[in-house]
Structures are given as C-alpha cells and as structure tokens.
Amino acid sequence: MAEKYLFRPHLTAVPLDEPVEAGEQVVEVISSQEFASLGLGDAELQDALRTLSTVENTYLDVYPESLIGSFAVPDKHHVLSDPLCFAFYLDKRHLIFIDERDTCVKLLDVIAKQQVVKRPTVAHCLFEFMRLLVKDDLVFLADVEDRMEDVEEQILDRCGNVANRKMLGFRRRLLRIDTFYQQLVDMAGTLGDNENKLLSHEEGRLFQSLEKTVERLLKRSQTLKEYSLQLRELYQTQIDIQQNETMQWFTVITTLFAPLTLITSWFGMNFANMPGLDWEWGYPAMIVLCVVIVAVELVIFKRKKWL
C-alpha cells in the first residue's frame, strides 16, 4: 500500500503524484520492488533492504550516507503469531518504509493526525514512529502481570492443569516481547550514537531518550519473566505438596490396617492347637477387637494430626 507524506508544516499525507520541491524532505511507504525504481543506494544496499523487509528481526545497519533497518513488531493482541515485519531506509531527505502490508501507513496516519512531529525532519518522524511502537506497552505489561497474578491464585487453589498451560503461554509471550525490546534498545542506541553523522545533535539525543524508555520496558519484561519462573516453582511446590499428602494418606491407611493384617495372618496359620478357634464367641470377639484397634489408632492419628 503506497503512500506519500510531506511536512507542511506537520506530517501530511499527499497524493503519490504530488511534486516534491528541491531539498524537501519526504516520507514514503512502498514495496521492495518500488524502492529499486527510486535509484537510492547501490545494488548491495537495495539487496540488503529487500532481505530486511521480510526478516523477523529488529536490526539496524549503518552506511556512510544512510541507514537501513528492519522491524519485527509483536502483535500485542496475538504475541505468539508472526510479528509485523517491515524495513526502512533513511538519509538526509528520505524516510522510506518498505512494507507489504498497511502497518506503516496506519502508524504514520496516527502521527499525521496527532501532529506530534515537532521538527519537519525525517529523523524526527522516525523517532515518533518508533516511540509509537511502544506507546501503550506499559499498559500491556501491566495487563500481563494481572493475568499472571490470577494464575498464581489458581495455583494456590490447586487448579493445576489450567495454570500450567497458562504459565507456558506467558513465558513464550514474554520471551517474544523481551527479544523485541532488546533489539529495539540496540537500534535506538546505534541511532543515538550517530556514527555516520547523519542526524543532528538534537535528533541523536531524541533516540538516546528513546533508548532509555525501551530499557525501562525491557527491565519490566525481564521482571515478569522472573515472575513466570517463580510461578513455575510455586506450581511445582504445590504438586510436591499434593504428592506428599497423597503418600501420607497411603501411609496412614497402611499403618491403620497393619495390626489387622498381623491378626489375620496369625490366625491364618491354622495350627492344630491354636486357642480360640473352637470358642463359640471367637469370631464376634475378633470383630470387636479389630474395631477397637482401628478406633484407638484413629484417635492417636487425630491427636498427631496425621488425619
């Protein structure tokens, strides 16, 4: 979906055939095939940009007079699905996004509508674009934390099967988000370093501030990753407790009937002169004895809090 934007004075969408004055800075969204027709950069740069437009990686490469990079942005509503991938080219006058979808157009339309670009430069536009990528991420991470707390309650309530599936999902989502933040921190840091002097001093400081913002998000996501590990440990602890309770129950049952087993084994030997075998009340007496033994054991187990 091709689009063109000019600074008049704020970022404004214009028709594709709108003439561009000499020295005027322009922002465009085009496909990789359309970029080759612009004649920007050499063949090596164009090949690299074509590759970056589909790679699932957030990356920046510095050239003497330009910058190229790629974004792989996780979809906050479906983090485990394929990320939103697109690339960009930046020089003194051009900011060109290579996007086969409409992701960049939607974000640039938001920037144009809100008129947040304070300086009419392509570098400022890229800064606002990157900031918009993580604008609501604190809310997103807070929502993830709330759901993890719900899972913690489920674990304590021993809803183990449900909690285990959710924990695995949280860990995978946070891994995706964490990777994106790490790569975005590296990109913002490289832009802030301004190695090829493509940006002004003020523009470099903007990207340095963005680097710090993303670093805070990265620390937040890493904290949640540690929380997910703690949930896993809590889940395993609850499983161990349940297993111990089960084994304790079996031990109590075994101990409870051990004397009865001894008695039945004793009289089951069938020696010829065993006392009580010919007694009229022998069988009822044995029943009463077994009931008394079980009752005494139950009282003892209750006092010991084994039951």
C-alpha atoms as a PDB file:
ATOM      1  CA  MET A   1       0.000   0.000   0.000  1.00  0.00           C
ATOM      2  CA  ALA A   2       1.957   3.013  -1.296  1.00  0.00           C
ATOM      3  CA  GLU A   3       1.592   6.349   0.482  1.00  0.00           C
ATOM      4  CA  LYS A   4       3.477   9.655   0.477  1.00  0.00           C
ATOM      5  CA  TYR A   5       3.825  12.202   3.266  1.00  0.00           C
ATOM      6  CA  LEU A   6       5.323  15.697   3.269  1.00  0.00           C
ATOM      7  CA  PHE A   7       5.973  18.230   6.033  1.00  0.00           C
ATOM      8  CA  ARG A   8       3.505  21.115   5.533  1.00  0.00           C
ATOM      9  CA  PRO A   9       4.476  22.074   8.178  1.00  0.00           C
ATOM     10  CA  HIS A  10       3.414  18.953  10.065  1.00  0.00           C
ATOM     11  CA  LEU A  11       3.468  15.490   8.554  1.00  0.00           C
ATOM     12  CA  THR A  12       0.692  15.405   5.965  1.00  0.00           C
ATOM     13  CA  ALA A  13      -0.485  12.674   3.598  1.00  0.00           C
ATOM     14  CA  VAL A  14      -0.360  13.806  -0.041  1.00  0.00           C
ATOM     15  CA  PRO A  15      -1.175  12.150  -3.378  1.00  0.00           C
ATOM     16  CA  LEU A  16       1.530   9.919  -4.811  1.00  0.00           C
ATOM     17  CA  ASP A  17       1.974  12.233  -7.805  1.00  0.00           C
ATOM     18  CA  GLU A  18       2.409  15.316  -5.603  1.00  0.00           C
ATOM     19  CA  PRO A  19       5.584  17.118  -6.756  1.00  0.00           C
ATOM     20  CA  VAL A  20       8.413  17.388  -4.239  1.00  0.00           C
ATOM     21  CA  GLU A  21      10.346  20.635  -4.137  1.00  0.00           C
ATOM     22  CA  ALA A  22      14.131  20.659  -4.216  1.00  0.00           C
ATOM     23  CA  GLY A  23      15.519  19.886  -0.786  1.00  0.00           C
ATOM     24  CA  GLU A  24      12.097  18.998   0.622  1.00  0.00           C
ATOM     25  CA  GLN A  25      12.035  16.005   2.937  1.00  0.00           C
ATOM     26  CA  VAL A  26       9.638  13.182   2.150  1.00  0.00           C
ATOM     27  CA  VAL A  27       8.269  10.101   3.912  1.00  0.00           C
ATOM     28  CA  GLU A  28       7.002   7.219   1.806  1.00  0.00           C
ATOM     29  CA  VAL A  29       5.593   3.738   2.233  1.00  0.00           C
ATOM     30  CA  ILE A  30       6.291   1.487  -0.744  1.00  0.00           C
ATOM     31  CA  SER A  31       7.035  -2.119  -1.664  1.00  0.00           C
ATOM     32  CA  SER A  32      10.527  -3.551  -2.129  1.00  0.00           C
ATOM     33  CA  GLN A  33      10.081  -3.599  -5.919  1.00  0.00           C
ATOM     34  CA  GLU A  34       9.110   0.079  -5.938  1.00  0.00           C
ATOM     35  CA  PHE A  35      12.159   1.022  -3.873  1.00  0.00           C
ATOM     36  CA  ALA A  36      14.522  -0.270  -6.561  1.00  0.00           C
ATOM     37  CA  SER A  37      12.973   2.158  -9.059  1.00  0.00           C
ATOM     38  CA  LEU A  38      13.856   5.173  -6.879  1.00  0.00           C
ATOM     39  CA  GLY A  39      17.564   4.778  -7.546  1.00  0.00           C
ATOM     40  CA  LEU A  40      18.558   5.303  -3.907  1.00  0.00           C
ATOM     41  CA  GLY A  41      21.687   3.469  -2.821  1.00  0.00           C
ATOM     42  CA  ASP A  42      23.723   0.920  -4.702  1.00  0.00           C
ATOM     43  CA  ALA A  43      22.734  -2.619  -5.642  1.00  0.00           C
ATOM     44  CA  GLU A  44      24.179  -4.048  -2.415  1.00  0.00           C
ATOM     45  CA  LEU A  45      22.061  -1.727  -0.269  1.00  0.00           C
ATOM     46  CA  GLN A  46      18.931  -2.499  -2.274  1.00  0.00           C
ATOM     47  CA  ASP A  47      19.504  -6.252  -1.914  1.00  0.00           C
ATOM     48  CA  ALA A  48      20.073  -5.860   1.820  1.00  0.00           C
ATOM     49  CA  LEU A  49      16.909  -3.801   2.183  1.00  0.00           C
ATOM     50  CA  ARG A  50      14.891  -6.319   0.191  1.00  0.00           C
ATOM     51  CA  THR A  51      16.063  -9.056   2.568  1.00  0.00           C
ATOM     52  CA  LEU A  52      15.389  -6.980   5.680  1.00  0.00           C
ATOM     53  CA  SER A  53      11.799  -6.284   4.648  1.00  0.00           C
ATOM     54  CA  THR A  54      10.806  -9.887   5.439  1.00  0.00           C
ATOM     55  CA  VAL A  55      13.281 -10.912   8.152  1.00  0.00           C
ATOM     56  CA  GLU A  56      11.809 -11.485  11.628  1.00  0.00           C
ATOM     57  CA  ASN A  57      14.390  -9.334  13.367  1.00  0.00           C
ATOM     58  CA  THR A  58      14.687  -5.730  14.572  1.00  0.00           C
ATOM     59  CA  TYR A  59      18.001  -4.614  13.150  1.00  0.00           C
ATOM     60  CA  LEU A  60      19.909  -1.507  12.015  1.00  0.00           C
ATOM     61  CA  ASP A  61      22.787  -1.220   9.554  1.00  0.00           C
ATOM     62  CA  VAL A  62      24.844   1.954   9.150  1.00  0.00           C
ATOM     63  CA  TYR A  63      26.081   3.170   5.759  1.00  0.00           C
ATOM     64  CA  PRO A  64      28.226   6.268   5.125  1.00  0.00           C
ATOM     65  CA  GLU A  65      25.301   8.420   3.977  1.00  0.00           C
ATOM     66  CA  SER A  66      22.252   6.438   5.025  1.00  0.00           C
ATOM     67  CA  LEU A  67      20.731   3.977   7.462  1.00  0.00           C
ATOM     68  CA  ILE A  68      18.714   0.875   6.734  1.00  0.00           C
ATOM     69  CA  GLY A  69      16.928  -1.321   9.194  1.00  0.00           C
ATOM     70  CA  SER A  70      14.075  -3.671   9.865  1.00  0.00           C
ATOM     71  CA  PHE A  71      11.358  -4.066  12.454  1.00  0.00           C
ATOM     72  CA  ALA A  72       9.737  -7.275  13.683  1.00  0.00           C
ATOM     73  CA  VAL A  73       6.994  -5.977  15.955  1.00  0.00           C
ATOM     74  CA  PRO A  74       4.984  -8.490  18.002  1.00  0.00           C
ATOM     75  CA  ASP A  75       1.241  -8.087  17.660  1.00  0.00           C
ATOM     76  CA  LYS A  76       0.155  -7.272  21.216  1.00  0.00           C
ATOM     77  CA  HIS A  77      -3.197  -8.986  20.671  1.00  0.00           C
ATOM     78  CA  HIS A  78      -1.588 -12.158  19.271  1.00  0.00           C
ATOM     79  CA  VAL A  79       2.000 -12.168  20.543  1.00  0.00           C
ATOM     80  CA  LEU A  80       2.665 -15.783  19.579  1.00  0.00           C
ATOM     81  CA  SER A  81       1.644 -15.240  15.956  1.00  0.00           C
ATOM     82  CA  ASP A  82       4.054 -13.996  13.280  1.00  0.00           C
ATOM     83  CA  PRO A  83       5.386 -10.488  14.004  1.00  0.00           C
ATOM     84  CA  LEU A  84       4.659  -7.462  11.821  1.00  0.00           C
ATOM     85  CA  CYS A  85       7.737  -7.197   9.607  1.00  0.00           C
ATOM     86  CA  PHE A  86       8.860  -4.204   7.541  1.00  0.00           C
ATOM     87  CA  ALA A  87      12.051  -2.314   6.727  1.00  0.00           C
ATOM     88  CA  PHE A  88      13.104   1.312   6.317  1.00  0.00           C
ATOM     89  CA  TYR A  89      15.651   3.493   4.550  1.00  0.00           C
ATOM     90  CA  LEU A  90      16.791   6.831   5.997  1.00  0.00           C
ATOM     91  CA  ASP A  91      19.016   9.553   4.572  1.00  0.00           C
ATOM     92  CA  LYS A  92      19.058  13.349   4.819  1.00  0.00           C
ATOM     93  CA  ARG A  93      15.883  13.803   2.772  1.00  0.00           C
ATOM     94  CA  HIS A  94      14.118  10.453   2.661  1.00  0.00           C
ATOM     95  CA  LEU A  95      12.432   8.157   5.146  1.00  0.00           C
ATOM     96  CA  ILE A  96      11.109   5.231   3.154  1.00  0.00           C
ATOM     97  CA  PHE A  97       9.309   2.277   4.699  1.00  0.00           C
ATOM     98  CA  ILE A  98       9.236  -0.978   2.749  1.00  0.00           C
ATOM     99  CA  ASP A  99       6.036  -2.628   3.865  1.00  0.00           C
ATOM    100  CA  GLU A 100       3.962  -5.234   2.060  1.00  0.00           C
ATOM    101  CA  ARG A 101       1.027  -4.653   4.420  1.00  0.00           C
ATOM    102  CA  ASP A 102      -0.547  -1.482   5.810  1.00  0.00           C
ATOM    103  CA  THR A 103       1.216  -1.447   9.199  1.00  0.00           C
ATOM    104  CA  CYS A 104       3.385   1.595   8.497  1.00  0.00           C
ATOM    105  CA  VAL A 105       0.562   3.531   6.844  1.00  0.00           C
ATOM    106  CA  LYS A 106      -1.628   3.151   9.941  1.00  0.00           C
ATOM    107  CA  LEU A 107       1.134   4.383  12.246  1.00  0.00           C
ATOM    108  CA  LEU A 108       2.082   7.310  10.001  1.00  0.00           C
ATOM    109  CA  ASP A 109      -1.575   8.308   9.736  1.00  0.00           C
ATOM    110  CA  VAL A 110      -1.714   8.437  13.541  1.00  0.00           C
ATOM    111  CA  ILE A 111       1.414  10.615  13.620  1.00  0.00           C
ATOM    112  CA  ALA A 112      -0.047  12.908  10.954  1.00  0.00           C
ATOM    113  CA  LYS A 113      -3.388  13.172  12.755  1.00  0.00           C
ATOM    114  CA  GLN A 114      -1.868  13.919  16.156  1.00  0.00           C
ATOM    115  CA  GLN A 115       0.731  16.315  14.677  1.00  0.00           C
ATOM    116  CA  VAL A 116       3.352  15.064  17.113  1.00  0.00           C
ATOM    117  CA  VAL A 117       6.387  15.682  14.867  1.00  0.00           C
ATOM    118  CA  LYS A 118       7.855  18.843  16.406  1.00  0.00           C
ATOM    119  CA  ARG A 119      10.509  19.387  13.728  1.00  0.00           C
ATOM    120  CA  PRO A 120       9.884  18.874   9.997  1.00  0.00           C
ATOM    121  CA  THR A 121      12.625  16.287   9.518  1.00  0.00           C
ATOM    122  CA  VAL A 122      12.572  12.642   8.536  1.00  0.00           C
ATOM    123  CA  ALA A 123      14.684  11.717  11.584  1.00  0.00           C
ATOM    124  CA  HIS A 124      12.085  13.234  13.918  1.00  0.00           C
ATOM    125  CA  CYS A 125       9.414  11.301  12.063  1.00  0.00           C
ATOM    126  CA  LEU A 126      11.353   8.046  12.563  1.00  0.00           C
ATOM    127  CA  PHE A 127      11.697   8.854  16.265  1.00  0.00           C
ATOM    128  CA  GLU A 128       7.946   9.403  16.651  1.00  0.00           C
ATOM    129  CA  PHE A 129       7.298   6.244  14.644  1.00  0.00           C
ATOM    130  CA  MET A 130       9.492   4.132  16.942  1.00  0.00           C
ATOM    131  CA  ARG A 131       8.016   5.727  20.040  1.00  0.00           C
ATOM    132  CA  LEU A 132       4.536   4.895  18.793  1.00  0.00           C
ATOM    133  CA  LEU A 133       5.544   1.223  18.505  1.00  0.00           C
ATOM    134  CA  VAL A 134       5.920   1.005  22.298  1.00  0.00           C
ATOM    135  CA  LYS A 135       3.473   3.726  23.339  1.00  0.00           C
ATOM    136  CA  ASP A 136       0.993   1.519  25.221  1.00  0.00           C
ATOM    137  CA  ASP A 137       3.374  -1.239  26.228  1.00  0.00           C
ATOM    138  CA  LEU A 138       3.354  -0.355  29.926  1.00  0.00           C
ATOM    139  CA  VAL A 139      -0.390  -0.957  29.925  1.00  0.00           C
ATOM    140  CA  PHE A 140       0.160  -4.197  28.013  1.00  0.00           C
ATOM    141  CA  LEU A 141       2.766  -5.424  30.511  1.00  0.00           C
ATOM    142  CA  ALA A 142       0.556  -4.415  33.441  1.00  0.00           C
ATOM    143  CA  ASP A 143      -2.259  -6.481  31.945  1.00  0.00           C
ATOM    144  CA  VAL A 144       0.104  -9.449  31.597  1.00  0.00           C
ATOM    145  CA  GLU A 145       1.079  -9.070  35.257  1.00  0.00           C
ATOM    146  CA  ASP A 146      -2.580  -9.004  36.329  1.00  0.00           C
ATOM    147  CA  ARG A 147      -3.267 -12.221  34.450  1.00  0.00           C
ATOM    148  CA  MET A 148      -0.182 -13.831  35.974  1.00  0.00           C
ATOM    149  CA  GLU A 149      -1.477 -12.911  39.424  1.00  0.00           C
ATOM    150  CA  ASP A 150      -4.754 -14.628  38.536  1.00  0.00           C
ATOM    151  CA  VAL A 151      -2.767 -17.731  37.600  1.00  0.00           C
ATOM    152  CA  GLU A 152      -0.952 -17.548  40.928  1.00  0.00           C
ATOM    153  CA  GLU A 153      -4.325 -17.628  42.687  1.00  0.00           C
ATOM    154  CA  GLN A 154      -5.318 -20.637  40.583  1.00  0.00           C
ATOM    155  CA  ILE A 155      -2.128 -22.420  41.597  1.00  0.00           C
ATOM    156  CA  LEU A 156      -2.801 -21.756  45.272  1.00  0.00           C
ATOM    157  CA  ASP A 157      -6.354 -23.005  44.737  1.00  0.00           C
ATOM    158  CA  ARG A 158      -4.833 -26.107  43.103  1.00  0.00           C
ATOM    159  CA  CYS A 159      -6.270 -25.652  39.624  1.00  0.00           C
ATOM    160  CA  GLY A 160      -3.024 -27.134  38.345  1.00  0.00           C
ATOM    161  CA  ASN A 161      -3.888 -28.204  34.804  1.00  0.00           C
ATOM    162  CA  VAL A 162      -5.247 -24.811  33.785  1.00  0.00           C
ATOM    163  CA  ALA A 163      -2.415 -22.907  35.470  1.00  0.00           C
ATOM    164  CA  ASN A 164       0.315 -24.974  33.847  1.00  0.00           C
ATOM    165  CA  ARG A 165      -0.911 -24.259  30.313  1.00  0.00           C
ATOM    166  CA  LYS A 166      -1.217 -20.559  31.055  1.00  0.00           C
ATOM    167  CA  MET A 167       2.279 -20.386  32.551  1.00  0.00           C
ATOM    168  CA  LEU A 168       3.797 -21.846  29.406  1.00  0.00           C
ATOM    169  CA  GLY A 169       1.899 -19.288  27.331  1.00  0.00           C
ATOM    170  CA  PHE A 170       3.088 -16.385  29.483  1.00  0.00           C
ATOM    171  CA  ARG A 171       6.703 -17.479  29.258  1.00  0.00           C
ATOM    172  CA  ARG A 172       6.597 -17.758  25.465  1.00  0.00           C
ATOM    173  CA  ARG A 173       4.903 -14.373  25.099  1.00  0.00           C
ATOM    174  CA  LEU A 174       7.371 -12.653  27.404  1.00  0.00           C
ATOM    175  CA  LEU A 175      10.269 -14.212  25.520  1.00  0.00           C
ATOM    176  CA  ARG A 176       8.973 -12.691  22.265  1.00  0.00           C
ATOM    177  CA  ILE A 177       8.459  -9.284  23.870  1.00  0.00           C
ATOM    178  CA  ASP A 178      11.825  -9.391  25.633  1.00  0.00           C
ATOM    179  CA  THR A 179      13.649 -10.166  22.378  1.00  0.00           C
ATOM    180  CA  PHE A 180      11.907  -7.269  20.629  1.00  0.00           C
ATOM    181  CA  TYR A 181      12.851  -4.826  23.405  1.00  0.00           C
ATOM    182  CA  GLN A 182      16.480  -5.957  23.429  1.00  0.00           C
ATOM    183  CA  GLN A 183      16.786  -5.439  19.692  1.00  0.00           C
ATOM    184  CA  LEU A 184      14.952  -2.100  19.842  1.00  0.00           C
ATOM    185  CA  VAL A 185      17.316  -0.890  22.581  1.00  0.00           C
ATOM    186  CA  ASP A 186      20.277  -1.755  20.343  1.00  0.00           C
ATOM    187  CA  MET A 187      18.690   0.072  17.394  1.00  0.00           C
ATOM    188  CA  ALA A 188      17.885   3.201  19.407  1.00  0.00           C
ATOM    189  CA  GLY A 189      21.377   3.154  20.910  1.00  0.00           C
ATOM    190  CA  THR A 190      23.012   2.965  17.480  1.00  0.00           C
ATOM    191  CA  LEU A 191      20.834   5.811  16.212  1.00  0.00           C
ATOM    192  CA  GLY A 192      21.731   7.844  19.293  1.00  0.00           C
ATOM    193  CA  ASP A 193      25.447   7.241  18.724  1.00  0.00           C
ATOM    194  CA  ASN A 194      25.034   8.849  15.275  1.00  0.00           C
ATOM    195  CA  GLU A 195      28.116   7.105  13.929  1.00  0.00           C
ATOM    196  CA  ASN A 196      27.852   8.447  10.365  1.00  0.00           C
ATOM    197  CA  LYS A 197      26.781  11.957  11.496  1.00  0.00           C
ATOM    198  CA  LEU A 198      23.560  11.643   9.524  1.00  0.00           C
ATOM    199  CA  LEU A 199      21.500  13.065  12.390  1.00  0.00           C
ATOM    200  CA  SER A 200      21.743  16.393  14.143  1.00  0.00           C
ATOM    201  CA  HIS A 201      22.818  16.574  17.786  1.00  0.00           C
ATOM    202  CA  GLU A 202      19.235  17.152  18.896  1.00  0.00           C
ATOM    203  CA  GLU A 203      17.981  14.182  16.868  1.00  0.00           C
ATOM    204  CA  GLY A 204      20.660  11.978  18.393  1.00  0.00           C
ATOM    205  CA  ARG A 205      19.505  12.963  21.886  1.00  0.00           C
ATOM    206  CA  LEU A 206      15.937  12.033  20.982  1.00  0.00           C
ATOM    207  CA  PHE A 207      16.995   8.488  20.161  1.00  0.00           C
ATOM    208  CA  GLN A 208      19.071   8.330  23.342  1.00  0.00           C
ATOM    209  CA  SER A 209      15.945   9.189  25.344  1.00  0.00           C
ATOM    210  CA  LEU A 210      14.035   6.533  23.391  1.00  0.00           C
ATOM    211  CA  GLU A 211      16.745   4.021  24.276  1.00  0.00           C
ATOM    212  CA  LYS A 212      16.201   4.721  27.977  1.00  0.00           C
ATOM    213  CA  THR A 213      12.438   4.376  27.573  1.00  0.00           C
ATOM    214  CA  VAL A 214      12.749   0.978  25.915  1.00  0.00           C
ATOM    215  CA  GLU A 215      15.319  -0.098  28.522  1.00  0.00           C
ATOM    216  CA  ARG A 216      12.694   0.506  31.219  1.00  0.00           C
ATOM    217  CA  LEU A 217      10.242  -1.626  29.273  1.00  0.00           C
ATOM    218  CA  LEU A 218      12.934  -4.285  28.905  1.00  0.00           C
ATOM    219  CA  LYS A 219      13.551  -4.347  32.659  1.00  0.00           C
ATOM    220  CA  ARG A 220       9.818  -4.598  33.229  1.00  0.00           C
ATOM    221  CA  SER A 221       9.505  -7.552  30.862  1.00  0.00           C
ATOM    222  CA  GLN A 222      12.509  -9.253  32.474  1.00  0.00           C
ATOM    223  CA  THR A 223      10.883  -8.819  35.881  1.00  0.00           C
ATOM    224  CA  LEU A 224       7.779 -10.533  34.541  1.00  0.00           C
ATOM    225  CA  LYS A 225       9.942 -13.333  33.115  1.00  0.00           C
ATOM    226  CA  GLU A 226      11.381 -13.890  36.585  1.00  0.00           C
ATOM    227  CA  TYR A 227       7.841 -13.826  37.957  1.00  0.00           C
ATOM    228  CA  SER A 228       6.862 -16.540  35.478  1.00  0.00           C
ATOM    229  CA  LEU A 229       9.753 -18.671  36.779  1.00  0.00           C
ATOM    230  CA  GLN A 230       8.555 -18.094  40.334  1.00  0.00           C
ATOM    231  CA  LEU A 231       5.076 -19.185  39.277  1.00  0.00           C
ATOM    232  CA  ARG A 232       6.565 -22.335  37.811  1.00  0.00           C
ATOM    233  CA  GLU A 233       8.417 -23.025  41.066  1.00  0.00           C
ATOM    234  CA  LEU A 234       5.243 -22.359  43.054  1.00  0.00           C
ATOM    235  CA  TYR A 235       3.341 -24.722  40.786  1.00  0.00           C
ATOM    236  CA  GLN A 236       5.965 -27.437  41.285  1.00  0.00           C
ATOM    237  CA  THR A 237       5.874 -26.846  45.042  1.00  0.00           C
ATOM    238  CA  GLN A 238       2.102 -27.314  45.051  1.00  0.00           C
ATOM    239  CA  ILE A 239       2.477 -30.528  43.051  1.00  0.00           C
ATOM    240  CA  ASP A 240       5.038 -31.790  45.586  1.00  0.00           C
ATOM    241  CA  ILE A 241       2.695 -30.915  48.452  1.00  0.00           C
ATOM    242  CA  GLN A 242      -0.152 -32.809  46.807  1.00  0.00           C
ATOM    243  CA  GLN A 243       2.091 -35.818  46.240  1.00  0.00           C
ATOM    244  CA  ASN A 244       3.277 -35.712  49.854  1.00  0.00           C
ATOM    245  CA  GLU A 245      -0.314 -35.527  51.076  1.00  0.00           C
ATOM    246  CA  THR A 246      -1.230 -38.500  48.915  1.00  0.00           C
ATOM    247  CA  MET A 247       1.723 -40.516  50.197  1.00  0.00           C
ATOM    248  CA  GLN A 248       0.869 -39.520  53.761  1.00  0.00           C
ATOM    249  CA  TRP A 249      -2.687 -40.733  53.244  1.00  0.00           C
ATOM    250  CA  PHE A 250      -1.496 -44.076  51.898  1.00  0.00           C
ATOM    251  CA  THR A 251       0.939 -44.374  54.805  1.00  0.00           C
ATOM    252  CA  VAL A 252      -1.852 -43.743  57.309  1.00  0.00           C
ATOM    253  CA  ILE A 253      -4.097 -46.330  55.640  1.00  0.00           C
ATOM    254  CA  THR A 254      -1.276 -48.876  55.612  1.00  0.00           C
ATOM    255  CA  THR A 255      -0.443 -48.210  59.269  1.00  0.00           C
ATOM    256  CA  LEU A 256      -4.119 -48.306  60.216  1.00  0.00           C
ATOM    257  CA  PHE A 257      -4.639 -51.815  58.903  1.00  0.00           C
ATOM    258  CA  ALA A 258      -1.211 -53.244  59.746  1.00  0.00           C
ATOM    259  CA  PRO A 259      -2.362 -54.696  63.130  1.00  0.00           C
ATOM    260  CA  LEU A 260      -5.419 -56.219  61.469  1.00  0.00           C
ATOM    261  CA  THR A 261      -3.187 -57.791  58.852  1.00  0.00           C
ATOM    262  CA  LEU A 262      -0.996 -59.213  61.619  1.00  0.00           C
ATOM    263  CA  ILE A 263      -4.020 -60.701  63.412  1.00  0.00           C
ATOM    264  CA  THR A 264      -5.495 -62.277  60.284  1.00  0.00           C
ATOM    265  CA  SER A 265      -2.077 -63.638  59.331  1.00  0.00           C
ATOM    266  CA  TRP A 266      -1.628 -65.088  62.789  1.00  0.00           C
ATOM    267  CA  PHE A 267      -4.896 -66.972  62.796  1.00  0.00           C
ATOM    268  CA  GLY A 268      -4.463 -67.876  59.159  1.00  0.00           C
ATOM    269  CA  MET A 269      -1.573 -70.204  60.018  1.00  0.00           C
ATOM    270  CA  ASN A 270      -4.143 -72.850  61.091  1.00  0.00           C
ATOM    271  CA  PHE A 271      -2.081 -74.678  63.697  1.00  0.00           C
ATOM    272  CA  ALA A 272      -3.981 -77.597  65.226  1.00  0.00           C
ATOM    273  CA  ASN A 273      -3.940 -76.391  68.844  1.00  0.00           C
ATOM    274  CA  MET A 274      -4.418 -72.622  68.323  1.00  0.00           C
ATOM    275  CA  PRO A 275      -6.533 -71.167  71.205  1.00  0.00           C
ATOM    276  CA  GLY A 276      -9.864 -69.614  70.350  1.00  0.00           C
ATOM    277  CA  LEU A 277     -10.541 -71.475  67.144  1.00  0.00           C
ATOM    278  CA  ASP A 278     -13.197 -73.643  68.786  1.00  0.00           C
ATOM    279  CA  TRP A 279     -14.613 -70.886  71.002  1.00  0.00           C
ATOM    280  CA  GLU A 280     -18.255 -70.061  70.340  1.00  0.00           C
ATOM    281  CA  TRP A 281     -17.676 -66.287  70.627  1.00  0.00           C
ATOM    282  CA  GLY A 282     -14.286 -66.292  68.940  1.00  0.00           C
ATOM    283  CA  TYR A 283     -15.391 -64.736  65.680  1.00  0.00           C
ATOM    284  CA  PRO A 284     -17.502 -61.911  67.210  1.00  0.00           C
ATOM    285  CA  ALA A 285     -14.733 -61.235  69.708  1.00  0.00           C
ATOM    286  CA  MET A 286     -12.224 -60.894  66.871  1.00  0.00           C
ATOM    287  CA  ILE A 287     -14.509 -58.399  65.110  1.00  0.00           C
ATOM    288  CA  VAL A 288     -14.833 -56.322  68.274  1.00  0.00           C
ATOM    289  CA  LEU A 289     -11.071 -56.451  68.814  1.00  0.00           C
ATOM    290  CA  CYS A 290     -10.394 -55.201  65.272  1.00  0.00           C
ATOM    291  CA  VAL A 291     -12.916 -52.367  65.645  1.00  0.00           C
ATOM    292  CA  VAL A 292     -11.346 -51.327  68.952  1.00  0.00           C
ATOM    293  CA  ILE A 293      -7.855 -51.380  67.449  1.00  0.00           C
ATOM    294  CA  VAL A 294      -8.952 -49.228  64.485  1.00  0.00           C
ATOM    295  CA  ALA A 295     -10.770 -46.796  66.810  1.00  0.00           C
ATOM    296  CA  VAL A 296      -7.718 -46.422  69.061  1.00  0.00           C
ATOM    297  CA  GLU A 297      -5.482 -45.839  66.046  1.00  0.00           C
ATOM    298  CA  LEU A 298      -7.854 -43.205  64.661  1.00  0.00           C
ATOM    299  CA  VAL A 299      -7.779 -41.341  67.972  1.00  0.00           C
ATOM    300  CA  ILE A 300      -3.979 -41.442  68.021  1.00  0.00           C
ATOM    301  CA  PHE A 301      -3.738 -40.275  64.385  1.00  0.00           C
ATOM    302  CA  LYS A 302      -6.120 -37.403  65.099  1.00  0.00           C
ATOM    303  CA  ARG A 303      -4.038 -36.256  68.057  1.00  0.00           C
ATOM    304  CA  LYS A 304      -0.875 -36.476  65.958  1.00  0.00           C
ATOM    305  CA  LYS A 305      -2.693 -34.503  63.210  1.00  0.00           C
ATOM    306  CA  TRP A 306      -1.978 -37.212  60.687  1.00  0.00           C
ATOM    307  CA  LEU A 307      -5.613 -37.115  59.589  1.00  0.00           C
END
